[in-house]
């Protein structure tokens, strides 16, 4: 589980840099300002959670079910949140908005909240 957290964190970081550069240089021409802002939000959240996954992988043993749920919440939450935003922005810029992705974004956000809540709980539990 430790290696999974580190590998996915590194992959999210790599893709975040690539997608951020792609958005800033290539998509800027075809995106509205709102689409650009949304795309950048997706990249930011992806990068934040890449770093969180790396930090977790380097600082926790990830042996308990709670820690496994925390990692899976961050991974799945990032995939659903950020990548649904990318899909919405790109499809809207092509005039064929993938509306089914709309409800996916808040579900991803909810999973990110769950991941942060589990991290908080795990840290507090280990204090006492």
C-alpha atoms as a PDB file:
ATOM      1  CA  UNK A   1       0.000   0.000   0.000  1.00  0.00           C
ATOM      2  CA  UNK A   2       2.927   2.350   0.736  1.00  0.00           C
ATOM      3  CA  UNK A   3       4.335   1.812  -2.743  1.00  0.00           C
ATOM      4  CA  UNK A   4       0.893   2.308  -4.320  1.00  0.00           C
ATOM      5  CA  UNK A   5       0.520   5.655  -2.551  1.00  0.00           C
ATOM      6  CA  UNK A   6       3.969   6.766  -3.702  1.00  0.00           C
ATOM      7  CA  UNK A   7       3.564   5.545  -7.299  1.00  0.00           C
ATOM      8  CA  UNK A   8       0.111   7.087  -7.749  1.00  0.00           C
ATOM      9  CA  UNK A   9       1.302  10.298  -6.068  1.00  0.00           C
ATOM     10  CA  UNK A  10       4.231  10.519  -8.474  1.00  0.00           C
ATOM     11  CA  UNK A  11       1.966   9.731 -11.447  1.00  0.00           C
ATOM     12  CA  UNK A  12      -0.562  12.383 -10.406  1.00  0.00           C
ATOM     13  CA  UNK A  13       2.295  14.891 -10.048  1.00  0.00           C
ATOM     14  CA  UNK A  14       3.702  14.024 -13.469  1.00  0.00           C
ATOM     15  CA  UNK A  15       0.293  14.262 -15.128  1.00  0.00           C
ATOM     16  CA  UNK A  16      -0.467  17.475 -13.247  1.00  0.00           C
ATOM     17  CA  UNK A  17       2.607  19.159 -14.706  1.00  0.00           C
ATOM     18  CA  UNK A  18       1.852  17.863 -18.213  1.00  0.00           C
ATOM     19  CA  UNK A  19      -1.827  18.824 -18.068  1.00  0.00           C
ATOM     20  CA  UNK A  20      -1.048  22.207 -16.531  1.00  0.00           C
ATOM     21  CA  UNK A  21       1.408  23.023 -19.315  1.00  0.00           C
ATOM     22  CA  UNK A  22      -0.959  21.645 -21.945  1.00  0.00           C
ATOM     23  CA  UNK A  23      -3.790  23.767 -20.566  1.00  0.00           C
ATOM     24  CA  UNK A  24      -1.688  26.909 -20.341  1.00  0.00           C
ATOM     25  CA  UNK A  25      -0.254  26.651 -23.848  1.00  0.00           C
ATOM     26  CA  UNK A  26      -2.555  24.581 -26.036  1.00  0.00           C
ATOM     27  CA  UNK A  27      -6.037  24.696 -24.578  1.00  0.00           C
ATOM     28  CA  UNK A  28      -5.910  28.397 -23.767  1.00  0.00           C
ATOM     29  CA  UNK A  29      -6.739  29.112 -27.408  1.00  0.00           C
ATOM     30  CA  UNK A  30      -9.966  27.098 -27.425  1.00  0.00           C
ATOM     31  CA  UNK A  31     -11.155  27.560 -23.811  1.00  0.00           C
ATOM     32  CA  UNK A  32     -13.275  30.339 -22.404  1.00  0.00           C
ATOM     33  CA  UNK A  33     -11.945  32.035 -19.265  1.00  0.00           C
ATOM     34  CA  UNK A  34     -14.385  30.024 -17.116  1.00  0.00           C
ATOM     35  CA  UNK A  35     -13.232  26.766 -18.720  1.00  0.00           C
ATOM     36  CA  UNK A  36      -9.603  27.762 -18.172  1.00  0.00           C
ATOM     37  CA  UNK A  37     -10.289  28.539 -14.512  1.00  0.00           C
ATOM     38  CA  UNK A  38     -12.057  25.202 -14.038  1.00  0.00           C
ATOM     39  CA  UNK A  39      -9.256  23.302 -15.763  1.00  0.00           C
ATOM     40  CA  UNK A  40      -6.682  25.034 -13.545  1.00  0.00           C
ATOM     41  CA  UNK A  41      -8.725  24.068 -10.462  1.00  0.00           C
ATOM     42  CA  UNK A  42      -8.575  20.437 -11.571  1.00  0.00           C
ATOM     43  CA  UNK A  43      -4.799  20.652 -12.016  1.00  0.00           C
ATOM     44  CA  UNK A  44      -4.317  22.351  -8.619  1.00  0.00           C
ATOM     45  CA  UNK A  45      -6.359  19.748  -6.759  1.00  0.00           C
ATOM     46  CA  UNK A  46      -4.560  16.968  -8.605  1.00  0.00           C
ATOM     47  CA  UNK A  47      -1.181  18.412  -7.584  1.00  0.00           C
ATOM     48  CA  UNK A  48      -2.254  18.939  -3.965  1.00  0.00           C
ATOM     49  CA  UNK A  49      -3.307  15.328  -3.714  1.00  0.00           C
ATOM     50  CA  UNK A  50      -0.212  14.059  -5.515  1.00  0.00           C
ATOM     51  CA  UNK A  51       1.807  15.653  -2.729  1.00  0.00           C
ATOM     52  CA  UNK A  52      -0.524  14.306  -0.030  1.00  0.00           C
ATOM     53  CA  UNK A  53      -0.215  10.770  -1.404  1.00  0.00           C
ATOM     54  CA  UNK A  54       3.572  11.062  -1.468  1.00  0.00           C
ATOM     55  CA  UNK A  55       3.629  12.437   2.074  1.00  0.00           C
ATOM     56  CA  UNK A  56       1.371   9.662   3.307  1.00  0.00           C
ATOM     57  CA  UNK A  57       3.431   7.026   1.522  1.00  0.00           C
ATOM     58  CA  UNK A  58       6.664   8.265   3.065  1.00  0.00           C
ATOM     59  CA  UNK A  59       5.336   8.863   6.593  1.00  0.00           C
ATOM     60  CA  UNK A  60       2.798   6.110   7.316  1.00  0.00           C
ATOM     61  CA  UNK A  61       3.120   2.329   7.339  1.00  0.00           C
ATOM     62  CA  UNK A  62      -0.359   2.103   5.787  1.00  0.00           C
ATOM     63  CA  UNK A  63      -1.131  -1.159   7.549  1.00  0.00           C
ATOM     64  CA  UNK A  64      -4.610  -0.470   8.911  1.00  0.00           C
ATOM     65  CA  UNK A  65      -7.912  -0.537   7.041  1.00  0.00           C
ATOM     66  CA  UNK A  66      -8.451   3.107   7.996  1.00  0.00           C
ATOM     67  CA  UNK A  67      -5.172   4.050   6.285  1.00  0.00           C
ATOM     68  CA  UNK A  68      -6.097   1.989   3.218  1.00  0.00           C
ATOM     69  CA  UNK A  69      -9.477   3.749   2.990  1.00  0.00           C
ATOM     70  CA  UNK A  70      -7.687   7.089   3.343  1.00  0.00           C
ATOM     71  CA  UNK A  71      -5.353   6.339   0.414  1.00  0.00           C
ATOM     72  CA  UNK A  72      -8.157   4.966  -1.768  1.00  0.00           C
ATOM     73  CA  UNK A  73     -10.311   8.022  -0.961  1.00  0.00           C
ATOM     74  CA  UNK A  74      -7.546  10.344  -2.122  1.00  0.00           C
ATOM     75  CA  UNK A  75      -6.828   8.334  -5.275  1.00  0.00           C
ATOM     76  CA  UNK A  76     -10.426   7.813  -6.355  1.00  0.00           C
ATOM     77  CA  UNK A  77     -11.445  11.302  -5.246  1.00  0.00           C
ATOM     78  CA  UNK A  78      -8.688  12.879  -7.339  1.00  0.00           C
ATOM     79  CA  UNK A  79      -9.553  10.780 -10.368  1.00  0.00           C
ATOM     80  CA  UNK A  80     -13.249  11.615 -10.147  1.00  0.00           C
ATOM     81  CA  UNK A  81     -12.808  15.282  -9.235  1.00  0.00           C
ATOM     82  CA  UNK A  82      -9.959  16.441 -11.448  1.00  0.00           C
ATOM     83  CA  UNK A  83     -10.479  14.193 -14.440  1.00  0.00           C
ATOM     84  CA  UNK A  84     -14.214  14.904 -14.620  1.00  0.00           C
ATOM     85  CA  UNK A  85     -13.356  18.615 -14.706  1.00  0.00           C
ATOM     86  CA  UNK A  86     -10.895  17.986 -17.544  1.00  0.00           C
ATOM     87  CA  UNK A  87     -13.545  16.040 -19.445  1.00  0.00           C
ATOM     88  CA  UNK A  88     -16.189  18.701 -18.886  1.00  0.00           C
ATOM     89  CA  UNK A  89     -13.898  21.511 -20.019  1.00  0.00           C
ATOM     90  CA  UNK A  90     -12.539  19.785 -23.106  1.00  0.00           C
ATOM     91  CA  UNK A  91     -15.926  18.471 -24.216  1.00  0.00           C
ATOM     92  CA  UNK A  92     -17.575  21.881 -23.684  1.00  0.00           C
ATOM     93  CA  UNK A  93     -14.867  23.594 -25.727  1.00  0.00           C
ATOM     94  CA  UNK A  94     -15.687  21.197 -28.588  1.00  0.00           C
ATOM     95  CA  UNK A  95     -19.411  22.008 -28.309  1.00  0.00           C
ATOM     96  CA  UNK A  96     -20.327  18.532 -27.017  1.00  0.00           C
ATOM     97  CA  UNK A  97     -20.373  18.863 -23.233  1.00  0.00           C
ATOM     98  CA  UNK A  98     -20.386  15.477 -21.507  1.00  0.00           C
ATOM     99  CA  UNK A  99     -23.159  16.328 -19.052  1.00  0.00           C
ATOM    100  CA  UNK A 100     -22.993  12.963 -17.270  1.00  0.00           C
ATOM    101  CA  UNK A 101     -19.648  14.106 -15.808  1.00  0.00           C
ATOM    102  CA  UNK A 102     -21.358  16.960 -13.936  1.00  0.00           C
ATOM    103  CA  UNK A 103     -22.426  14.829 -10.928  1.00  0.00           C
ATOM    104  CA  UNK A 104     -19.072  13.007 -10.897  1.00  0.00           C
ATOM    105  CA  UNK A 105     -17.131  16.112  -9.826  1.00  0.00           C
ATOM    106  CA  UNK A 106     -18.875  16.612  -6.453  1.00  0.00           C
ATOM    107  CA  UNK A 107     -18.669  12.869  -5.771  1.00  0.00           C
ATOM    108  CA  UNK A 108     -14.896  13.145  -6.241  1.00  0.00           C
ATOM    109  CA  UNK A 109     -14.858  16.181  -3.970  1.00  0.00           C
ATOM    110  CA  UNK A 110     -16.759  14.224  -1.329  1.00  0.00           C
ATOM    111  CA  UNK A 111     -14.181  11.426  -1.488  1.00  0.00           C
ATOM    112  CA  UNK A 112     -11.413  14.001  -1.032  1.00  0.00           C
ATOM    113  CA  UNK A 113     -13.200  15.290   2.072  1.00  0.00           C
ATOM    114  CA  UNK A 114     -13.420  11.691   3.327  1.00  0.00           C
ATOM    115  CA  UNK A 115      -9.693  11.223   2.712  1.00  0.00           C
ATOM    116  CA  UNK A 116      -8.812  14.396   4.616  1.00  0.00           C
ATOM    117  CA  UNK A 117     -11.195  13.430   7.435  1.00  0.00           C
ATOM    118  CA  UNK A 118      -9.572  10.014   7.736  1.00  0.00           C
ATOM    119  CA  UNK A 119      -6.119  11.591   7.728  1.00  0.00           C
ATOM    120  CA  UNK A 120      -7.189  14.011  10.472  1.00  0.00           C
ATOM    121  CA  UNK A 121      -8.762  11.214  12.515  1.00  0.00           C
ATOM    122  CA  UNK A 122      -5.674   9.018  12.099  1.00  0.00           C
ATOM    123  CA  UNK A 123      -3.360  11.811  13.246  1.00  0.00           C
ATOM    124  CA  UNK A 124      -5.521  12.691  16.275  1.00  0.00           C
ATOM    125  CA  UNK A 125      -5.887   9.025  17.204  1.00  0.00           C
ATOM    126  CA  UNK A 126      -2.104   8.596  17.152  1.00  0.00           C
ATOM    127  CA  UNK A 127      -1.632  11.625  19.407  1.00  0.00           C
ATOM    128  CA  UNK A 128      -3.531  10.049  22.286  1.00  0.00           C
END
